[in-house]
Amino acid sequence: MTEHRWAPGQTVVERFVRPDGSIGQHHPLRVISDDGETLLGWLPLGTPIVGSRLADGRTLREAPLGQRFREPRVCVPDVWHGTSTLRLIPDRAWSSVWWFFEADGRFRDWYVNLEVPRGRTETGPDRIDGILDLVVTPGAGWKWKDEDEAEAAVEAGRLTEADLDQLRAEGERLGALAERGAYPFDGTHTDFRPDPDWPAPALPAGLC
């Protein structure tokens, strides 16, 4: 078991690192629970994060697919937008499961973020984003997301073919759980509400 374990209410920072060891993004999470091997954390809508852009100022989506994983990137102050997320992050798994909640608190769907695990530091979990993802919609099954980007990442050397094979296998495993309505797709946490006394998690100064 890891020596790093966090208490409910504490803030940790999930870092998305790149294969070369550089840091891509920092996401602060409010700890809901942690047993030393699996973290459950909360990132509310509107929370400041450290994001990344291409060095020329474009967002990744603004760049043609062939350039997205070849051009240099820089960190930028950003804000988590769209939905609030509850994240289940098992240290050894090649995925984390995110519950997406609308601004009014209503549960929307699950997002399986496929990732390469890189352990924990004192400040939070480290992961490499696997690019390929799954979306699980209540009552409507699951589907792959960003398959074209994952292939482009392999072509650019951002991921290896072996990485992508393992990420796909992890996606199939989670998809099978979703098809059976098994945990974590069994309704657990879909009624989650954050403690109203907790402020939004905050990033340490000077990250970007």
Protein backbone atom coordinates (compact mmCIF):
# COMPACT_ATOMS: atom_id res chain seq x y z
CA MET A 1 0.00 0.00 0.00
CA THR A 2 1.24 3.47 -0.82
CA GLU A 3 2.61 5.71 1.91
CA HIS A 4 0.55 8.61 0.56
CA ARG A 5 -3.02 8.61 1.84
CA TRP A 6 -5.39 11.55 2.01
CA ALA A 7 -8.21 12.47 4.38
CA PRO A 8 -11.77 13.44 3.39
CA GLY A 9 -11.97 17.19 2.79
CA GLN A 10 -8.31 17.49 1.87
CA THR A 11 -7.33 18.92 -1.52
CA VAL A 12 -5.07 16.88 -3.81
CA VAL A 13 -3.88 17.74 -7.30
CA GLU A 14 -4.27 15.19 -10.07
CA ARG A 15 -1.45 15.71 -12.55
CA PHE A 16 -1.59 14.55 -16.15
CA VAL A 17 2.00 13.92 -17.10
CA ARG A 18 3.47 13.28 -20.53
CA PRO A 19 5.66 10.30 -21.45
CA ASP A 20 8.74 12.56 -21.27
CA GLY A 21 7.92 13.44 -17.65
CA SER A 22 6.69 16.99 -18.27
CA ILE A 23 3.39 18.02 -16.71
CA GLY A 24 0.44 18.69 -18.98
CA GLN A 25 -2.46 19.61 -16.70
CA HIS A 26 -3.18 20.05 -12.99
CA HIS A 27 -6.69 19.34 -11.66
CA PRO A 28 -7.42 20.02 -7.96
CA LEU A 29 -9.76 17.52 -6.32
CA ARG A 30 -11.57 17.61 -2.99
CA VAL A 31 -11.04 14.19 -1.37
CA ILE A 32 -14.27 12.34 -0.68
CA SER A 33 -12.58 9.07 0.33
CA ASP A 34 -9.22 7.37 -0.02
CA ASP A 35 -8.06 3.96 1.18
CA GLY A 36 -4.48 4.43 0.06
CA GLU A 37 -5.08 2.66 -3.26
CA THR A 38 -8.28 4.17 -4.67
CA LEU A 39 -9.14 7.85 -4.50
CA LEU A 40 -12.62 9.33 -4.87
CA GLY A 41 -12.36 13.07 -5.53
CA TRP A 42 -14.60 15.98 -6.50
CA LEU A 43 -13.90 18.70 -9.08
CA PRO A 44 -16.76 21.20 -9.23
CA LEU A 45 -17.75 23.30 -12.21
CA GLY A 46 -15.86 26.61 -12.36
CA THR A 47 -12.78 25.42 -10.44
CA PRO A 48 -9.49 26.97 -11.62
CA ILE A 49 -7.15 24.40 -13.20
CA VAL A 50 -3.92 24.44 -15.15
CA GLY A 51 -4.63 23.45 -18.73
CA SER A 52 -2.48 23.33 -21.85
CA ARG A 53 -2.46 24.78 -25.33
CA LEU A 54 -0.21 24.56 -28.32
CA ALA A 55 2.71 26.96 -28.05
CA ASP A 56 1.26 29.09 -30.86
CA GLY A 57 -1.87 29.73 -28.77
CA ARG A 58 -4.26 27.31 -30.44
CA THR A 59 -6.31 24.86 -28.42
CA LEU A 60 -5.79 21.20 -29.29
CA ARG A 61 -9.16 21.05 -31.04
CA GLU A 62 -8.22 24.02 -33.22
CA ALA A 63 -5.22 22.17 -34.64
CA PRO A 64 -5.52 19.62 -37.46
CA LEU A 65 -5.40 16.06 -36.14
CA GLY A 66 -1.93 15.46 -37.56
CA GLN A 67 -0.50 18.37 -35.57
CA ARG A 68 -2.16 17.87 -32.17
CA PHE A 69 0.46 15.53 -30.75
CA ARG A 70 3.48 16.88 -32.61
CA GLU A 71 3.45 20.58 -31.81
CA PRO A 72 5.00 21.86 -28.54
CA ARG A 73 2.61 22.76 -25.74
CA VAL A 74 2.56 25.29 -22.93
CA CYS A 75 0.60 25.46 -19.69
CA VAL A 76 -2.19 28.02 -19.33
CA PRO A 77 -4.46 29.05 -16.44
CA ASP A 78 -7.91 27.67 -17.17
CA VAL A 79 -11.23 26.82 -15.52
CA TRP A 80 -12.99 23.45 -15.38
CA HIS A 81 -16.14 23.93 -17.44
CA GLY A 82 -19.14 22.00 -18.69
CA THR A 83 -19.92 19.75 -15.72
CA SER A 84 -18.82 18.96 -12.19
CA THR A 85 -17.02 15.63 -11.92
CA LEU A 86 -16.70 12.96 -9.27
CA ARG A 87 -13.64 10.86 -10.06
CA LEU A 88 -12.81 7.31 -9.01
CA ILE A 89 -9.06 6.87 -9.49
CA PRO A 90 -7.62 3.40 -8.71
CA ASP A 91 -3.84 3.60 -8.46
CA ARG A 92 -3.15 0.52 -10.58
CA ALA A 93 -5.97 0.71 -13.14
CA TRP A 94 -5.50 2.02 -16.66
CA SER A 95 -8.63 4.11 -16.28
CA SER A 96 -10.54 6.40 -13.98
CA VAL A 97 -14.32 6.71 -13.95
CA TRP A 98 -15.87 10.18 -13.87
CA TRP A 99 -19.46 10.92 -12.92
CA PHE A 100 -20.62 14.05 -14.77
CA PHE A 101 -23.12 16.33 -13.02
CA GLU A 102 -24.93 19.26 -14.59
CA ALA A 103 -24.82 22.73 -13.02
CA ASP A 104 -28.10 22.01 -11.20
CA GLY A 105 -26.61 18.89 -9.60
CA ARG A 106 -28.38 16.40 -11.85
CA PHE A 107 -26.33 13.34 -12.84
CA ARG A 108 -25.76 13.19 -16.62
CA ASP A 109 -23.51 10.26 -17.55
CA TRP A 110 -20.26 8.45 -16.87
CA TYR A 111 -16.98 9.12 -18.63
CA VAL A 112 -14.24 6.51 -18.60
CA ASN A 113 -10.94 8.34 -18.94
CA LEU A 114 -8.44 5.76 -20.15
CA GLU A 115 -5.04 6.46 -18.61
CA VAL A 116 -1.59 5.06 -17.88
CA PRO A 117 -1.14 5.02 -14.08
CA ARG A 118 1.99 6.66 -12.71
CA GLY A 119 1.52 6.28 -8.96
CA ARG A 120 1.12 8.95 -6.29
CA THR A 121 3.16 11.81 -4.93
CA GLU A 122 2.61 13.68 -1.68
CA THR A 123 0.27 16.06 -3.49
CA GLY A 124 -1.87 13.70 -5.57
CA PRO A 125 -2.12 11.01 -8.27
CA ASP A 126 -0.11 11.15 -11.50
CA ARG A 127 -1.59 9.79 -14.74
CA ILE A 128 -0.77 9.84 -18.45
CA ASP A 129 -3.90 10.59 -20.47
CA GLY A 130 -4.55 7.69 -22.82
CA ILE A 131 -6.48 9.90 -25.31
CA LEU A 132 -8.99 7.09 -26.02
CA ASP A 133 -12.09 7.25 -23.78
CA LEU A 134 -15.56 5.79 -23.25
CA VAL A 135 -18.89 7.51 -22.68
CA VAL A 136 -21.49 5.51 -20.75
CA THR A 137 -25.03 6.88 -21.00
CA PRO A 138 -27.68 5.64 -18.56
CA GLY A 139 -30.07 3.36 -20.40
CA ALA A 140 -28.27 3.77 -23.73
CA GLY A 141 -25.07 1.72 -23.45
CA TRP A 142 -21.51 2.88 -24.08
CA LYS A 143 -19.37 4.07 -26.98
CA TRP A 144 -15.76 4.83 -27.72
CA LYS A 145 -14.61 8.44 -27.89
CA ASP A 146 -11.58 9.95 -29.65
CA GLU A 147 -10.43 6.80 -31.46
CA ASP A 148 -8.98 8.93 -34.26
CA GLU A 149 -6.99 11.01 -31.78
CA ALA A 150 -5.58 7.89 -30.11
CA GLU A 151 -4.33 6.60 -33.47
CA ALA A 152 -2.78 10.01 -34.21
CA ALA A 153 -1.08 9.96 -30.80
CA VAL A 154 0.52 6.62 -31.63
CA GLU A 155 1.68 7.88 -35.03
CA ALA A 156 3.26 10.90 -33.32
CA GLY A 157 5.01 8.76 -30.70
CA ARG A 158 2.87 10.12 -27.87
CA LEU A 159 1.65 6.59 -27.08
CA THR A 160 3.00 3.19 -28.13
CA GLU A 161 1.01 0.51 -29.91
CA ALA A 162 1.37 -1.60 -26.75
CA ASP A 163 -0.06 1.26 -24.68
CA LEU A 164 -3.04 1.57 -27.00
CA ASP A 165 -3.65 -2.18 -26.91
CA GLN A 166 -3.77 -2.13 -23.12
CA LEU A 167 -5.96 0.97 -23.10
CA ARG A 168 -8.40 -0.71 -25.49
CA ALA A 169 -8.46 -3.82 -23.32
CA GLU A 170 -9.23 -1.67 -20.29
CA GLY A 171 -11.98 0.07 -22.23
CA GLU A 172 -13.50 -3.28 -23.17
CA ARG A 173 -13.37 -4.35 -19.52
CA LEU A 174 -15.18 -1.22 -18.36
CA GLY A 175 -17.63 -1.46 -21.24
CA ALA A 176 -18.54 -4.99 -20.15
CA LEU A 177 -19.20 -3.73 -16.63
CA ALA A 178 -21.42 -1.00 -18.05
CA GLU A 179 -23.39 -3.52 -20.12
CA ARG A 180 -24.10 -5.54 -16.96
CA GLY A 181 -24.95 -2.47 -14.91
CA ALA A 182 -22.18 -3.49 -12.52
CA TYR A 183 -20.22 -1.17 -10.24
CA PRO A 184 -19.31 1.59 -10.85
CA PHE A 185 -22.20 1.82 -13.35
CA ASP A 186 -24.88 0.52 -10.97
CA GLY A 187 -26.20 3.87 -9.78
CA THR A 188 -23.63 4.30 -7.01
CA HIS A 189 -22.85 8.00 -6.43
CA THR A 190 -25.37 9.22 -9.03
CA ASP A 191 -27.13 11.05 -6.19
CA PHE A 192 -23.88 12.55 -4.89
CA ARG A 193 -24.01 16.03 -3.43
CA PRO A 194 -20.87 17.80 -2.16
CA ASP A 195 -20.64 18.98 1.43
CA PRO A 196 -21.94 22.57 1.23
CA ASP A 197 -19.40 23.68 3.85
CA TRP A 198 -16.42 22.72 1.69
CA PRO A 199 -14.99 25.44 -0.56
CA ALA A 200 -13.98 24.55 -4.09
CA PRO A 201 -10.56 22.86 -4.22
CA ALA A 202 -7.75 25.29 -4.97
CA LEU A 203 -4.45 24.94 -6.78
CA PRO A 204 -1.12 25.84 -5.16
CA ALA A 205 0.32 29.10 -6.45
CA GLY A 206 3.01 29.19 -9.11
CA LEU A 207 2.13 26.09 -11.14
CA CYS A 208 1.84 28.05 -14.38
